Each structure stands twice: as structure tokens, then as C-alpha cells.
C-alpha atoms as a PDB file:
ATOM      1  CA  UNK A   1       0.000   0.000   0.000  1.00  0.00           C
ATOM      2  CA  UNK A   2       1.435   3.353  -0.986  1.00  0.00           C
ATOM      3  CA  UNK A   3       1.674   6.322   1.340  1.00  0.00           C
ATOM      4  CA  UNK A   4      -0.970   8.156  -0.724  1.00  0.00           C
ATOM      5  CA  UNK A   5      -3.431   5.250  -0.366  1.00  0.00           C
ATOM      6  CA  UNK A   6      -2.763   5.007   3.364  1.00  0.00           C
ATOM      7  CA  UNK A   7      -3.376   8.737   3.784  1.00  0.00           C
ATOM      8  CA  UNK A   8      -6.634   8.517   1.793  1.00  0.00           C
ATOM      9  CA  UNK A   9      -7.780   5.558   3.893  1.00  0.00           C
ATOM     10  CA  UNK A  10      -6.967   7.436   7.118  1.00  0.00           C
ATOM     11  CA  UNK A  11      -8.895  10.528   5.988  1.00  0.00           C
ATOM     12  CA  UNK A  12     -11.873   8.354   5.059  1.00  0.00           C
ATOM     13  CA  UNK A  13     -11.813   6.729   8.498  1.00  0.00           C
ATOM     14  CA  UNK A  14     -11.665  10.127  10.181  1.00  0.00           C
ATOM     15  CA  UNK A  15     -14.591  11.394   8.115  1.00  0.00           C
ATOM     16  CA  UNK A  16     -16.706   8.342   8.935  1.00  0.00           C
ATOM     17  CA  UNK A  17     -15.999   8.668  12.651  1.00  0.00           C
ATOM     18  CA  UNK A  18     -17.430  12.191  12.520  1.00  0.00           C
ATOM     19  CA  UNK A  19     -20.797  10.637  11.566  1.00  0.00           C
ATOM     20  CA  UNK A  20     -21.426   9.396  15.110  1.00  0.00           C
ATOM     21  CA  UNK A  21     -25.021   9.465  16.308  1.00  0.00           C
ATOM     22  CA  UNK A  22     -25.356  11.769  19.347  1.00  0.00           C
ATOM     23  CA  UNK A  23     -27.310  10.689  22.417  1.00  0.00           C
ATOM     24  CA  UNK A  24     -30.215  13.101  22.734  1.00  0.00           C
ATOM     25  CA  UNK A  25     -33.303  13.030  24.954  1.00  0.00           C
ATOM     26  CA  UNK A  26     -36.471  12.557  22.946  1.00  0.00           C
ATOM     27  CA  UNK A  27     -38.802   9.864  21.646  1.00  0.00           C
ATOM     28  CA  UNK A  28     -37.219   7.205  19.432  1.00  0.00           C
ATOM     29  CA  UNK A  29     -38.446   7.482  15.836  1.00  0.00           C
ATOM     30  CA  UNK A  30     -38.073   3.714  15.278  1.00  0.00           C
ATOM     31  CA  UNK A  31     -37.560   0.752  17.610  1.00  0.00           C
ATOM     32  CA  UNK A  32     -33.759   0.939  17.178  1.00  0.00           C
ATOM     33  CA  UNK A  33     -33.330   4.722  16.904  1.00  0.00           C
ATOM     34  CA  UNK A  34     -31.747   6.901  19.569  1.00  0.00           C
ATOM     35  CA  UNK A  35     -34.236   8.001  22.225  1.00  0.00           C
ATOM     36  CA  UNK A  36     -36.848   6.568  24.561  1.00  0.00           C
ATOM     37  CA  UNK A  37     -39.861   4.320  24.202  1.00  0.00           C
ATOM     38  CA  UNK A  38     -42.241   3.007  26.826  1.00  0.00           C
ATOM     39  CA  UNK A  39     -44.772   0.234  27.207  1.00  0.00           C
ATOM     40  CA  UNK A  40     -47.581   0.127  29.782  1.00  0.00           C
ATOM     41  CA  UNK A  41     -47.680  -3.106  31.775  1.00  0.00           C
ATOM     42  CA  UNK A  42     -50.374  -2.177  34.326  1.00  0.00           C
ATOM     43  CA  UNK A  43     -52.008   1.140  35.201  1.00  0.00           C
ATOM     44  CA  UNK A  44     -49.077   2.217  37.369  1.00  0.00           C
ATOM     45  CA  UNK A  45     -46.322  -0.064  35.991  1.00  0.00           C
ATOM     46  CA  UNK A  46     -44.313   0.777  32.856  1.00  0.00           C
ATOM     47  CA  UNK A  47     -41.325  -0.560  30.928  1.00  0.00           C
ATOM     48  CA  UNK A  48     -39.072   2.224  29.631  1.00  0.00           C
ATOM     49  CA  UNK A  49     -36.181   1.782  27.206  1.00  0.00           C
ATOM     50  CA  UNK A  50     -33.619   4.396  26.279  1.00  0.00           C
ATOM     51  CA  UNK A  51     -31.327   3.776  23.288  1.00  0.00           C
ATOM     52  CA  UNK A  52     -28.068   5.741  23.317  1.00  0.00           C
ATOM     53  CA  UNK A  53     -26.195   6.978  20.278  1.00  0.00           C
ATOM     54  CA  UNK A  54     -22.883   5.593  19.084  1.00  0.00           C
ATOM     55  CA  UNK A  55     -20.261   5.928  21.772  1.00  0.00           C
ATOM     56  CA  UNK A  56     -22.824   6.540  24.543  1.00  0.00           C
ATOM     57  CA  UNK A  57     -21.733   5.605  28.042  1.00  0.00           C
ATOM     58  CA  UNK A  58     -23.804   3.500  30.446  1.00  0.00           C
ATOM     59  CA  UNK A  59     -24.191   6.259  33.026  1.00  0.00           C
ATOM     60  CA  UNK A  60     -25.675   8.769  30.561  1.00  0.00           C
ATOM     61  CA  UNK A  61     -28.035   6.203  29.042  1.00  0.00           C
ATOM     62  CA  UNK A  62     -29.126   5.142  32.546  1.00  0.00           C
ATOM     63  CA  UNK A  63     -29.716   8.764  33.601  1.00  0.00           C
ATOM     64  CA  UNK A  64     -31.847   9.434  30.527  1.00  0.00           C
ATOM     65  CA  UNK A  65     -33.936   6.309  31.197  1.00  0.00           C
ATOM     66  CA  UNK A  66     -34.518   7.593  34.765  1.00  0.00           C
ATOM     67  CA  UNK A  67     -35.389  11.040  33.413  1.00  0.00           C
ATOM     68  CA  UNK A  68     -37.995   9.517  31.082  1.00  0.00           C
ATOM     69  CA  UNK A  69     -39.421   7.521  34.000  1.00  0.00           C
ATOM     70  CA  UNK A  70     -39.681  10.752  36.018  1.00  0.00           C
ATOM     71  CA  UNK A  71     -41.360  12.661  33.164  1.00  0.00           C
ATOM     72  CA  UNK A  72     -43.832   9.821  32.570  1.00  0.00           C
ATOM     73  CA  UNK A  73     -44.567   9.524  36.309  1.00  0.00           C
ATOM     74  CA  UNK A  74     -45.488  13.215  36.564  1.00  0.00           C
ATOM     75  CA  UNK A  75     -47.474  13.097  33.300  1.00  0.00           C
ATOM     76  CA  UNK A  76     -49.548  10.186  34.652  1.00  0.00           C
ATOM     77  CA  UNK A  77     -50.336  12.091  37.879  1.00  0.00           C
ATOM     78  CA  UNK A  78     -47.976  10.231  40.231  1.00  0.00           C
ATOM     79  CA  UNK A  79     -45.299  11.577  42.577  1.00  0.00           C
ATOM     80  CA  UNK A  80     -42.656   8.846  42.728  1.00  0.00           C
ATOM     81  CA  UNK A  81     -41.464   5.741  40.942  1.00  0.00           C
ATOM     82  CA  UNK A  82     -39.521   2.667  41.982  1.00  0.00           C
ATOM     83  CA  UNK A  83     -37.279   0.734  39.582  1.00  0.00           C
ATOM     84  CA  UNK A  84     -38.197  -2.941  39.984  1.00  0.00           C
ATOM     85  CA  UNK A  85     -36.088  -4.345  37.156  1.00  0.00           C
ATOM     86  CA  UNK A  86     -33.329  -3.110  34.859  1.00  0.00           C
ATOM     87  CA  UNK A  87     -31.453  -4.432  31.861  1.00  0.00           C
ATOM     88  CA  UNK A  88     -28.547  -2.953  29.905  1.00  0.00           C
ATOM     89  CA  UNK A  89     -27.593  -4.208  26.462  1.00  0.00           C
ATOM     90  CA  UNK A  90     -24.165  -3.540  25.009  1.00  0.00           C
ATOM     91  CA  UNK A  91     -22.840  -2.291  21.700  1.00  0.00           C
ATOM     92  CA  UNK A  92     -24.731  -3.425  18.628  1.00  0.00           C
ATOM     93  CA  UNK A  93     -21.656  -3.603  16.453  1.00  0.00           C
ATOM     94  CA  UNK A  94     -18.019  -4.033  17.155  1.00  0.00           C
ATOM     95  CA  UNK A  95     -17.558  -0.431  18.166  1.00  0.00           C
ATOM     96  CA  UNK A  96     -14.833   1.434  16.286  1.00  0.00           C
ATOM     97  CA  UNK A  97     -12.605   0.465  13.391  1.00  0.00           C
ATOM     98  CA  UNK A  98     -11.099  -2.996  13.240  1.00  0.00           C
ATOM     99  CA  UNK A  99      -8.202  -4.594  11.386  1.00  0.00           C
ATOM    100  CA  UNK A 100      -8.125  -8.116   9.997  1.00  0.00           C
ATOM    101  CA  UNK A 101      -5.272 -10.186   8.600  1.00  0.00           C
ATOM    102  CA  UNK A 102      -5.393 -13.486   6.764  1.00  0.00           C
ATOM    103  CA  UNK A 103      -3.155 -15.915   5.014  1.00  0.00           C
ATOM    104  CA  UNK A 104      -3.412 -19.031   2.924  1.00  0.00           C
ATOM    105  CA  UNK A 105      -1.579 -21.421   0.716  1.00  0.00           C
ATOM    106  CA  UNK A 106      -2.319 -23.879  -2.073  1.00  0.00           C
ATOM    107  CA  UNK A 107      -0.547 -26.564  -4.021  1.00  0.00           C
ATOM    108  CA  UNK A 108      -1.214 -27.125  -7.757  1.00  0.00           C
ATOM    109  CA  UNK A 109       0.578 -30.218  -8.971  1.00  0.00           C
ATOM    110  CA  UNK A 110       4.155 -29.034  -9.463  1.00  0.00           C
ATOM    111  CA  UNK A 111       3.653 -25.481  -8.118  1.00  0.00           C
ATOM    112  CA  UNK A 112       2.413 -23.824  -5.004  1.00  0.00           C
ATOM    113  CA  UNK A 113       1.244 -20.386  -3.924  1.00  0.00           C
ATOM    114  CA  UNK A 114       1.128 -18.452  -0.701  1.00  0.00           C
ATOM    115  CA  UNK A 115      -0.972 -15.351  -0.046  1.00  0.00           C
ATOM    116  CA  UNK A 116      -1.299 -12.811   2.719  1.00  0.00           C
ATOM    117  CA  UNK A 117      -4.041 -10.177   2.953  1.00  0.00           C
ATOM    118  CA  UNK A 118      -5.185  -7.456   5.248  1.00  0.00           C
ATOM    119  CA  UNK A 119      -8.133  -5.162   5.671  1.00  0.00           C
ATOM    120  CA  UNK A 120      -9.513  -2.282   7.675  1.00  0.00           C
ATOM    121  CA  UNK A 121     -13.218  -2.188   8.518  1.00  0.00           C
ATOM    122  CA  UNK A 122     -15.705   0.224  10.078  1.00  0.00           C
ATOM    123  CA  UNK A 123     -19.127  -0.252  11.673  1.00  0.00           C
ATOM    124  CA  UNK A 124     -21.453   1.828   9.491  1.00  0.00           C
ATOM    125  CA  UNK A 125     -24.705   0.680  11.104  1.00  0.00           C
ATOM    126  CA  UNK A 126     -25.340   4.038  12.790  1.00  0.00           C
ATOM    127  CA  UNK A 127     -27.580   2.251  15.310  1.00  0.00           C
ATOM    128  CA  UNK A 128     -27.552   2.700  19.038  1.00  0.00           C
ATOM    129  CA  UNK A 129     -24.514   1.461  20.871  1.00  0.00           C
ATOM    130  CA  UNK A 130     -26.106   0.968  24.265  1.00  0.00           C
ATOM    131  CA  UNK A 131     -29.619   0.693  25.656  1.00  0.00           C
ATOM    132  CA  UNK A 132     -31.087   0.599  29.155  1.00  0.00           C
ATOM    133  CA  UNK A 133     -34.503  -0.861  29.924  1.00  0.00           C
ATOM    134  CA  UNK A 134     -36.110  -0.284  33.288  1.00  0.00           C
ATOM    135  CA  UNK A 135     -39.413  -1.401  34.698  1.00  0.00           C
ATOM    136  CA  UNK A 136     -40.999   1.051  37.129  1.00  0.00           C
ATOM    137  CA  UNK A 137     -43.950   1.125  39.515  1.00  0.00           C
ATOM    138  CA  UNK A 138     -45.456   4.567  40.141  1.00  0.00           C
ATOM    139  CA  UNK A 139     -47.105   5.836  43.310  1.00  0.00           C
ATOM    140  CA  UNK A 140     -48.534   8.901  45.054  1.00  0.00           C
ATOM    141  CA  UNK A 141     -47.424  10.615  48.230  1.00  0.00           C
ATOM    142  CA  UNK A 142     -44.049  10.122  49.911  1.00  0.00           C
ATOM    143  CA  UNK A 143     -41.669   7.704  48.119  1.00  0.00           C
ATOM    144  CA  UNK A 144     -40.932   4.465  49.980  1.00  0.00           C
ATOM    145  CA  UNK A 145     -37.574   4.314  51.777  1.00  0.00           C
ATOM    146  CA  UNK A 146     -36.032   1.962  49.209  1.00  0.00           C
ATOM    147  CA  UNK A 147     -32.744   2.374  47.298  1.00  0.00           C
ATOM    148  CA  UNK A 148     -34.474   2.228  43.905  1.00  0.00           C
ATOM    149  CA  UNK A 149     -37.366   4.602  44.772  1.00  0.00           C
ATOM    150  CA  UNK A 150     -37.183   8.126  43.349  1.00  0.00           C
ATOM    151  CA  UNK A 151     -39.085  11.378  43.792  1.00  0.00           C
ATOM    152  CA  UNK A 152     -40.046  12.127  40.176  1.00  0.00           C
ATOM    153  CA  UNK A 153     -39.880  15.906  40.449  1.00  0.00           C
ATOM    154  CA  UNK A 154     -36.467  15.740  42.131  1.00  0.00           C
ATOM    155  CA  UNK A 155     -35.129  13.518  39.330  1.00  0.00           C
ATOM    156  CA  UNK A 156     -36.459  15.973  36.738  1.00  0.00           C
ATOM    157  CA  UNK A 157     -34.862  18.886  38.573  1.00  0.00           C
ATOM    158  CA  UNK A 158     -31.463  17.161  38.824  1.00  0.00           C
ATOM    159  CA  UNK A 159     -31.202  15.307  35.490  1.00  0.00           C
ATOM    160  CA  UNK A 160     -33.384  17.465  33.237  1.00  0.00           C
ATOM    161  CA  UNK A 161     -30.931  20.340  32.627  1.00  0.00           C
ATOM    162  CA  UNK A 162     -28.196  17.986  31.398  1.00  0.00           C
ATOM    163  CA  UNK A 163     -30.459  16.261  28.847  1.00  0.00           C
ATOM    164  CA  UNK A 164     -29.713  17.418  25.304  1.00  0.00           C
ATOM    165  CA  UNK A 165     -32.996  17.630  23.408  1.00  0.00           C
ATOM    166  CA  UNK A 166     -33.270  17.247  19.623  1.00  0.00           C
END
């Protein structure tokens, strides 16, 4: 590979990495798009999923799932919610660029051949890299004294300002 080809390949990789999907707070346009979605289970029990953008970290995705739970709790007329179950799924692709090498050989009667190859690949899926699903139970009055119980308005006050909206 010539220096010119290597430089072109590097610039292409840099350009593609600039196409990262940001993690923003808002409804997901499709089931795999960045953003939140929710499913009612019972009148006061909901399953909420937040899909992060490429390169999203677990803490941010978790905070945005909690923020959606808080917003939904207030919208439904409740004061607090308790997380009863949670699930985090990892990267959908391999993450960043990857390099592969291979080799092989063959014999053809009186001759033989040996080959070596290499490649550079990129995940172009553009899908979410991380998602957090939580199941919550909502209630009125003072939140129970449990580690996973949250005052919805307090969560909105603390996590709301840091949420980047579309």
C-alpha cells in the first residue's frame, strides 16, 4: 500500500468517525433509533427503554432512562417511581474500526502459492450502541424508603438540565 493510499484511507476513516449518532433526549423514531420508548404493563407499571447513540456511556443512558421515568410519572399524575427491574444491552456492532489479517496457501501439482491479505473495517450501522430498559412502579405521596425509589420531580430537577434535546 502506498503512502498516498494510506493517507486517503486514514482521511476516510476520520470522516466516517465524525458521523457518530449523538445521544439526545427525545422519543425514538423507530424501535432501534436513539431516544426513549415506553410500554404500559399495568395502570401504574411501565417498561421504559432508552437507546443511546454511538459511543454513549452506560451512566448517561441510565440517567436518561430515569429522566424519562420521572417525566412519565409526573405526566400520569404520580409523585414517585420505583425501579423494579433493569437491563442494559451492550454495543450493537463491534464499536470502532477494526483490522483483519489473513493468510493461505495452495498446491497445484508441481507449483504452489502463498498469499497474505489485510483489511480495515468500520461499523457503518449508525444504530444505538447501548440501551437501558427499566421497569418502574409509580405511586402517590411520599416515596418508599427503598434504594431504587425516586421522587419524580427531584429527578427531573437534577437530570433534566443535562439532557440534550433534539
